[in-house]
């Protein structure tokens, strides 16, 4: 190699070596991360603690990035640690983190356990997604944030301590919730419709108990200060504003129980004339008021006698009682006959926008469904 070539090549080699050294020097900073692995759980736990402590204002998304690395460095600097952005045992200890994080529920990730945890986290504002009974990253992130804010061990695992703080009772056995008076079609429909009316149930009202119904019940229970067990007992029933039957299916066609086809038809015509266009549970409620009157000593003791009592129903006065009912009216009549009472025993209802009777305003309104007030 000639002297001139050496003079040209050697400086280039030196420059390249210096560049390589420079790259190697900054590599640890560029690759700064969690020494236990940049899993969603580990990164989300770091972000959560930094957020609680005021160092991180971004989204807890479990993705390592520039903002997370910068927040780690600031935390390390303030706590006398090497500001390399790497979360090792020293930084994890200062953050009060137990790494690596896996997350879960010590009693098992059953649908009921997960739904109960989700329901409480949603009530407290930590979970923004729906209560579906499925453990995932959103649930894990919510658990981590809750633990961090409440001074619990931040491990993403719902053990006895976290469960106690959340106010849930977990079980090692599989559960599916239910209705203490029986999962009859009428009862399940009553629960689903009541939950739907309050925005907790968005699926089809089919009278079939399933995961979505149980999760909706748990979410309702959590928001209303009830035991989050997915079981519709007396307390949940009262809060929902319904009165369930005891073991009756409510019938499916022809007649319901000892009710004749004529009474069923008359009740459906009353529902159609008084409440067509109202929400379905509002139609059932009108039929339930008729039946509540039949059972009350203040009124006639037959469906015919109650409906045709003088001045009792507008549909009789204006002739709409003679219109042919649709399928919804018949279904509502059958559900009421099967024991569903969305009013909780009310004897009166009225539309406050059109009511002309002065005494009606003296009644105590128990629930409003659609355009009607239901009262006693």
Protein backbone atom coordinates (compact mmCIF):
# COMPACT_ATOMS: atom_id res chain seq x y z
CA UNK A 1 0.00 0.00 0.00
CA UNK A 2 1.50 3.32 -1.04
CA UNK A 3 2.05 6.12 1.40
CA UNK A 4 -0.62 8.26 -0.29
CA UNK A 5 -3.24 5.53 0.02
CA UNK A 6 -2.39 5.06 3.67
CA UNK A 7 -2.81 8.76 4.25
CA UNK A 8 -6.31 8.52 2.71
CA UNK A 9 -7.58 5.22 4.14
CA UNK A 10 -6.28 5.36 7.70
CA UNK A 11 -8.16 8.52 8.64
CA UNK A 12 -11.34 6.92 7.28
CA UNK A 13 -10.81 3.79 9.39
CA UNK A 14 -10.16 5.89 12.47
CA UNK A 15 -13.33 7.90 11.82
CA UNK A 16 -15.41 4.75 11.43
CA UNK A 17 -14.00 3.27 14.64
CA UNK A 18 -14.79 6.45 16.54
CA UNK A 19 -18.36 6.42 15.16
CA UNK A 20 -18.79 2.81 16.23
CA UNK A 21 -17.56 3.60 19.72
CA UNK A 22 -19.96 6.53 19.85
CA UNK A 23 -22.88 4.33 18.81
CA UNK A 24 -21.97 1.72 21.40
CA UNK A 25 -21.78 4.41 24.06
CA UNK A 26 -25.32 5.55 23.49
CA UNK A 27 -26.81 2.10 22.80
CA UNK A 28 -27.75 1.35 26.42
CA UNK A 29 -29.72 4.61 26.60
CA UNK A 30 -31.51 3.94 23.31
CA UNK A 31 -32.33 0.40 24.45
CA UNK A 32 -33.21 1.39 28.02
CA UNK A 33 -35.98 -0.82 29.32
CA UNK A 34 -37.02 -3.25 32.03
CA UNK A 35 -34.35 -5.83 32.74
CA UNK A 36 -37.09 -8.37 33.44
CA UNK A 37 -38.41 -7.93 29.91
CA UNK A 38 -40.52 -5.36 28.11
CA UNK A 39 -43.73 -7.32 28.48
CA UNK A 40 -47.00 -5.41 28.60
CA UNK A 41 -47.36 -6.23 32.29
CA UNK A 42 -43.87 -5.07 33.30
CA UNK A 43 -43.95 -1.84 31.30
CA UNK A 44 -47.51 -1.04 32.39
CA UNK A 45 -46.48 -1.54 36.03
CA UNK A 46 -43.55 0.85 35.63
CA UNK A 47 -45.74 3.43 33.87
CA UNK A 48 -48.39 3.08 36.57
CA UNK A 49 -46.02 3.73 39.46
CA UNK A 50 -44.40 6.66 37.63
CA UNK A 51 -47.86 8.06 36.94
CA UNK A 52 -48.95 7.76 40.58
CA UNK A 53 -45.71 9.45 41.67
CA UNK A 54 -46.12 12.28 39.16
CA UNK A 55 -43.31 11.43 36.75
CA UNK A 56 -45.36 10.07 33.87
CA UNK A 57 -48.41 11.73 32.32
CA UNK A 58 -48.87 9.56 29.24
CA UNK A 59 -51.22 6.65 28.68
CA UNK A 60 -50.54 3.46 30.58
CA UNK A 61 -50.34 1.31 27.46
CA UNK A 62 -47.60 -1.18 28.31
CA UNK A 63 -45.42 0.07 25.44
CA UNK A 64 -41.88 1.24 26.18
CA UNK A 65 -41.10 4.52 24.50
CA UNK A 66 -39.29 7.85 24.80
CA UNK A 67 -41.73 9.28 27.34
CA UNK A 68 -41.45 6.24 29.59
CA UNK A 69 -37.64 6.24 29.37
CA UNK A 70 -37.47 9.96 30.17
CA UNK A 71 -39.79 9.52 33.15
CA UNK A 72 -37.61 6.69 34.48
CA UNK A 73 -34.49 8.84 34.19
CA UNK A 74 -36.09 11.74 36.06
CA UNK A 75 -37.20 9.38 38.80
CA UNK A 76 -33.72 7.85 39.02
CA UNK A 77 -32.07 11.27 39.23
CA UNK A 78 -34.38 12.39 42.04
CA UNK A 79 -33.75 9.19 43.98
CA UNK A 80 -29.95 9.08 43.71
CA UNK A 81 -29.88 6.29 41.14
CA UNK A 82 -27.87 6.03 37.93
CA UNK A 83 -30.02 7.85 35.37
CA UNK A 84 -29.73 5.26 32.60
CA UNK A 85 -33.45 4.70 32.04
CA UNK A 86 -33.08 1.00 32.82
CA UNK A 87 -35.45 -0.49 35.40
CA UNK A 88 -33.38 -3.00 37.29
CA UNK A 89 -33.74 -4.27 40.83
CA UNK A 90 -32.63 -0.96 42.40
CA UNK A 91 -35.07 1.20 40.43
CA UNK A 92 -37.86 -1.36 40.85
CA UNK A 93 -37.29 -1.37 44.60
CA UNK A 94 -37.43 2.45 44.76
CA UNK A 95 -40.61 2.36 42.68
CA UNK A 96 -41.98 -0.23 45.11
CA UNK A 97 -42.57 -2.63 42.26
CA UNK A 98 -42.57 -6.40 42.38
CA UNK A 99 -41.13 -7.46 39.04
CA UNK A 100 -41.65 -9.40 36.88
CA UNK A 101 -45.42 -8.88 36.75
CA UNK A 102 -47.76 -11.55 35.43
CA UNK A 103 -51.11 -10.49 36.85
CA UNK A 104 -54.21 -12.53 37.54
CA UNK A 105 -56.50 -13.64 40.36
CA UNK A 106 -55.27 -15.95 43.06
CA UNK A 107 -58.62 -17.77 43.17
CA UNK A 108 -58.61 -18.29 39.41
CA UNK A 109 -59.56 -16.26 36.35
CA UNK A 110 -63.09 -17.59 36.24
CA UNK A 111 -65.70 -15.48 34.47
CA UNK A 112 -67.42 -14.65 37.76
CA UNK A 113 -64.20 -13.64 39.54
CA UNK A 114 -62.98 -11.49 36.67
CA UNK A 115 -66.39 -9.87 36.20
CA UNK A 116 -66.61 -9.03 39.91
CA UNK A 117 -63.17 -7.38 39.81
CA UNK A 118 -64.00 -5.52 36.61
CA UNK A 119 -67.31 -4.30 38.00
CA UNK A 120 -65.66 -2.77 41.06
CA UNK A 121 -62.84 -1.23 39.01
CA UNK A 122 -65.40 0.27 36.65
CA UNK A 123 -67.43 1.72 39.53
CA UNK A 124 -64.25 3.31 40.91
CA UNK A 125 -63.34 4.73 37.49
CA UNK A 126 -60.28 2.59 36.80
CA UNK A 127 -61.77 0.50 34.00
CA UNK A 128 -63.32 2.23 31.00
CA UNK A 129 -64.20 -0.85 28.96
CA UNK A 130 -67.21 -3.12 29.46
CA UNK A 131 -67.55 -5.77 32.17
CA UNK A 132 -67.21 -8.98 30.16
CA UNK A 133 -65.60 -11.48 32.54
CA UNK A 134 -62.51 -11.87 30.32
CA UNK A 135 -59.06 -11.11 31.74
CA UNK A 136 -57.00 -8.95 29.39
CA UNK A 137 -54.50 -6.09 29.24
CA UNK A 138 -57.11 -3.42 30.02
CA UNK A 139 -58.18 -5.25 33.17
CA UNK A 140 -54.57 -5.83 34.18
CA UNK A 141 -53.70 -2.15 33.66
CA UNK A 142 -56.72 -1.13 35.75
CA UNK A 143 -55.68 -3.49 38.57
CA UNK A 144 -52.12 -2.13 38.51
CA UNK A 145 -53.32 1.47 38.69
CA UNK A 146 -55.75 0.69 41.52
CA UNK A 147 -53.05 -1.10 43.51
CA UNK A 148 -50.61 1.76 42.97
CA UNK A 149 -53.06 4.45 44.02
CA UNK A 150 -54.22 2.50 47.09
CA UNK A 151 -50.74 1.68 48.42
CA UNK A 152 -51.01 -2.04 47.69
CA UNK A 153 -48.33 -4.33 46.29
CA UNK A 154 -48.24 -3.50 42.59
CA UNK A 155 -48.14 -6.96 41.05
CA UNK A 156 -51.33 -6.98 38.97
CA UNK A 157 -52.62 -9.97 40.95
CA UNK A 158 -55.93 -9.74 42.79
CA UNK A 159 -55.21 -11.55 46.02
CA UNK A 160 -56.94 -11.25 49.36
CA UNK A 161 -55.61 -7.74 50.03
CA UNK A 162 -56.67 -6.24 46.72
CA UNK A 163 -59.98 -8.13 46.79
CA UNK A 164 -60.69 -6.80 50.28
CA UNK A 165 -59.96 -3.21 49.20
CA UNK A 166 -62.17 -3.65 46.15
CA UNK A 167 -64.95 -5.07 48.30
CA UNK A 168 -65.40 -8.32 46.38
CA UNK A 169 -65.59 -11.91 47.56
CA UNK A 170 -63.80 -14.24 45.18
CA UNK A 171 -64.30 -17.98 44.89
CA UNK A 172 -62.08 -20.87 43.88
CA UNK A 173 -65.10 -22.69 42.47
CA UNK A 174 -66.79 -21.90 39.17
CA UNK A 175 -69.91 -19.71 39.45
CA UNK A 176 -72.42 -18.43 36.94
CA UNK A 177 -74.71 -16.21 39.02
CA UNK A 178 -78.46 -16.62 38.78
CA UNK A 179 -81.83 -15.69 40.23
CA UNK A 180 -82.84 -16.89 43.68
CA UNK A 181 -86.45 -17.33 42.55
CA UNK A 182 -85.40 -19.40 39.56
CA UNK A 183 -84.00 -18.82 36.08
CA UNK A 184 -87.39 -19.03 34.40
CA UNK A 185 -87.81 -17.34 31.03
CA UNK A 186 -90.09 -14.69 32.55
CA UNK A 187 -87.71 -13.96 35.41
CA UNK A 188 -84.64 -13.71 33.18
CA UNK A 189 -86.51 -11.47 30.74
CA UNK A 190 -87.58 -9.27 33.64
CA UNK A 191 -84.00 -8.91 34.82
CA UNK A 192 -82.66 -8.32 31.31
CA UNK A 193 -85.27 -5.69 30.51
CA UNK A 194 -84.70 -3.86 33.79
CA UNK A 195 -80.94 -3.88 33.20
CA UNK A 196 -81.46 -2.75 29.61
CA UNK A 197 -83.66 0.15 30.73
CA UNK A 198 -80.83 1.38 32.95
CA UNK A 199 -78.10 0.93 30.34
CA UNK A 200 -76.40 -2.18 31.76
CA UNK A 201 -77.58 -4.76 29.22
CA UNK A 202 -77.23 -4.16 25.48
CA UNK A 203 -77.80 -7.66 24.12
CA UNK A 204 -81.05 -9.21 22.95
CA UNK A 205 -83.66 -9.78 25.64
CA UNK A 206 -84.11 -13.52 25.12
CA UNK A 207 -84.94 -14.87 28.58
CA UNK A 208 -81.79 -17.00 28.57
CA UNK A 209 -79.35 -16.63 31.46
CA UNK A 210 -75.76 -16.35 30.27
CA UNK A 211 -72.42 -14.65 30.78
CA UNK A 212 -73.57 -11.28 29.45
CA UNK A 213 -76.57 -11.21 31.79
CA UNK A 214 -74.44 -12.17 34.79
CA UNK A 215 -71.83 -9.51 33.96
CA UNK A 216 -74.54 -6.88 33.60
CA UNK A 217 -76.00 -7.88 36.98
CA UNK A 218 -72.56 -7.59 38.60
CA UNK A 219 -71.97 -4.16 37.09
CA UNK A 220 -75.39 -3.02 38.36
CA UNK A 221 -74.74 -4.45 41.80
CA UNK A 222 -71.38 -2.72 42.08
CA UNK A 223 -72.77 0.68 41.10
CA UNK A 224 -75.63 0.33 43.57
CA UNK A 225 -73.66 -0.75 46.63
CA UNK A 226 -74.85 -4.37 46.58
CA UNK A 227 -72.87 -7.58 47.04
CA UNK A 228 -71.22 -8.26 43.68
CA UNK A 229 -72.11 -11.93 43.23
CA UNK A 230 -74.13 -11.94 40.01
CA UNK A 231 -77.12 -13.39 41.84
CA UNK A 232 -80.44 -11.56 41.69
CA UNK A 233 -81.71 -11.88 45.22
CA UNK A 234 -84.20 -9.76 47.13
CA UNK A 235 -81.89 -6.74 47.40
CA UNK A 236 -80.95 -6.66 43.73
CA UNK A 237 -84.56 -7.29 42.76
CA UNK A 238 -85.72 -4.28 44.78
CA UNK A 239 -82.99 -2.03 43.36
CA UNK A 240 -83.96 -3.09 39.83
CA UNK A 241 -87.56 -2.18 40.62
CA UNK A 242 -88.99 -5.54 39.63
CA UNK A 243 -91.02 -8.29 41.27
CA UNK A 244 -90.05 -11.76 40.09
CA UNK A 245 -92.17 -14.88 40.03
CA UNK A 246 -91.35 -18.06 41.89
CA UNK A 247 -90.80 -20.89 39.46
CA UNK A 248 -93.49 -19.97 36.91
CA UNK A 249 -92.49 -19.89 33.27
CA UNK A 250 -95.17 -17.37 32.44
CA UNK A 251 -96.67 -19.42 29.64
CA UNK A 252 -95.91 -19.21 25.96
CA UNK A 253 -99.19 -19.29 24.09
CA UNK A 254 -102.93 -19.71 24.50
CA UNK A 255 -103.24 -19.05 28.22
CA UNK A 256 -100.94 -18.52 31.20
CA UNK A 257 -101.61 -20.71 34.24
CA UNK A 258 -105.34 -20.58 35.00
CA UNK A 259 -105.86 -17.45 32.87
CA UNK A 260 -108.29 -17.99 30.01
CA UNK A 261 -107.54 -17.04 26.43
CA UNK A 262 -110.21 -14.36 26.75
CA UNK A 263 -108.51 -12.75 29.76
CA UNK A 264 -105.12 -12.90 28.04
CA UNK A 265 -106.59 -11.26 24.96
CA UNK A 266 -108.29 -8.55 27.02
CA UNK A 267 -105.12 -7.81 28.97
CA UNK A 268 -103.13 -7.60 25.72
CA UNK A 269 -105.74 -5.20 24.27
CA UNK A 270 -105.42 -3.03 27.35
CA UNK A 271 -101.63 -2.99 26.98
CA UNK A 272 -101.89 -2.15 23.29
CA UNK A 273 -104.46 0.59 23.82
CA UNK A 274 -102.66 2.15 26.79
CA UNK A 275 -98.96 1.62 26.09
CA UNK A 276 -98.12 0.85 22.46
CA UNK A 277 -95.03 2.81 21.56
CA UNK A 278 -93.73 2.58 25.13
CA UNK A 279 -90.58 0.58 26.04
CA UNK A 280 -91.29 -3.12 26.40
CA UNK A 281 -90.87 -3.08 30.18
CA UNK A 282 -93.32 -0.15 30.21
CA UNK A 283 -95.88 -2.33 28.42
CA UNK A 284 -95.34 -5.12 30.94
CA UNK A 285 -95.73 -2.54 33.70
CA UNK A 286 -99.20 -1.54 32.47
CA UNK A 287 -100.29 -5.19 32.47
CA UNK A 288 -98.76 -5.60 35.94
CA UNK A 289 -100.82 -2.68 37.28
CA UNK A 290 -103.99 -4.41 36.06
CA UNK A 291 -102.99 -7.62 37.82
CA UNK A 292 -101.98 -5.75 40.98
CA UNK A 293 -105.46 -4.26 41.07
CA UNK A 294 -107.02 -7.71 40.66
CA UNK A 295 -105.12 -8.80 43.77
CA UNK A 296 -105.99 -5.63 45.72
CA UNK A 297 -109.14 -5.39 47.88
CA UNK A 298 -109.63 -1.83 46.56
CA UNK A 299 -110.56 -3.04 43.07
CA UNK A 300 -112.62 -5.74 41.32
CA UNK A 301 -111.07 -9.20 41.55
CA UNK A 302 -111.10 -10.06 37.84
CA UNK A 303 -109.17 -8.75 34.86
CA UNK A 304 -112.44 -7.86 33.11
CA UNK A 305 -113.75 -6.05 36.20
CA UNK A 306 -110.56 -4.02 36.64
CA UNK A 307 -110.21 -2.98 33.00
CA UNK A 308 -113.88 -2.05 32.56
CA UNK A 309 -114.23 -0.29 35.92
CA UNK A 310 -115.78 3.09 35.19
CA UNK A 311 -113.20 5.76 34.36
CA UNK A 312 -110.25 3.46 35.08
CA UNK A 313 -108.57 3.28 31.66
CA UNK A 314 -108.49 5.79 28.80
CA UNK A 315 -108.35 2.97 26.26
CA UNK A 316 -111.83 1.87 27.35
CA UNK A 317 -113.20 5.43 27.25
CA UNK A 318 -111.93 6.21 23.76
CA UNK A 319 -112.52 2.76 22.27
CA UNK A 320 -108.88 1.77 21.74
CA UNK A 321 -109.54 -1.30 23.87
CA UNK A 322 -111.16 -2.77 20.75
CA UNK A 323 -108.01 -2.50 18.60
CA UNK A 324 -106.22 -5.72 17.68
CA UNK A 325 -103.09 -6.17 19.85
CA UNK A 326 -99.68 -6.81 18.29
CA UNK A 327 -97.23 -9.54 19.31
CA UNK A 328 -95.45 -7.22 21.73
CA UNK A 329 -98.68 -6.56 23.65
CA UNK A 330 -99.41 -10.28 23.94
CA UNK A 331 -95.84 -10.98 25.05
CA UNK A 332 -96.04 -8.23 27.67
CA UNK A 333 -99.34 -9.62 28.97
CA UNK A 334 -97.84 -13.12 29.25
CA UNK A 335 -94.72 -11.83 31.04
CA UNK A 336 -96.87 -9.94 33.57
CA UNK A 337 -99.00 -13.03 34.10
CA UNK A 338 -95.78 -14.98 34.60
CA UNK A 339 -94.84 -12.77 37.55
CA UNK A 340 -92.83 -9.91 36.10
CA UNK A 341 -93.77 -6.61 37.71
CA UNK A 342 -91.42 -3.74 36.74
CA UNK A 343 -93.44 -1.40 39.01
CA UNK A 344 -92.82 -3.27 42.25
CA UNK A 345 -96.54 -3.49 43.11
CA UNK A 346 -97.93 -0.15 41.88
CA UNK A 347 -101.69 0.29 41.44
CA UNK A 348 -101.70 3.43 39.31
CA UNK A 349 -99.89 4.96 36.37
CA UNK A 350 -100.27 8.18 34.44
CA UNK A 351 -98.60 10.37 31.84
CA UNK A 352 -97.63 13.59 33.66
CA UNK A 353 -97.74 15.51 30.38
CA UNK A 354 -101.41 14.71 29.75
CA UNK A 355 -102.91 13.84 33.16
CA UNK A 356 -105.98 15.94 34.03
CA UNK A 357 -107.04 14.39 37.33
CA UNK A 358 -105.99 16.51 40.32
CA UNK A 359 -105.82 13.67 42.87
CA UNK A 360 -103.33 11.67 40.79
CA UNK A 361 -100.59 14.15 41.75
CA UNK A 362 -100.98 13.26 45.43
CA UNK A 363 -99.77 9.71 44.81
CA UNK A 364 -96.21 8.59 45.53
CA UNK A 365 -94.33 7.85 42.31
CA UNK A 366 -92.15 4.74 42.62
CA UNK A 367 -90.72 4.47 39.13
CA UNK A 368 -90.87 6.21 35.77
CA UNK A 369 -90.81 4.04 32.64
CA UNK A 370 -91.04 5.73 29.29
CA UNK A 371 -93.70 8.45 29.49
CA UNK A 372 -95.54 6.93 32.44
CA UNK A 373 -95.20 7.48 36.18
CA UNK A 374 -96.11 4.39 38.22
CA UNK A 375 -97.42 5.12 41.68
CA UNK A 376 -99.13 3.92 44.84
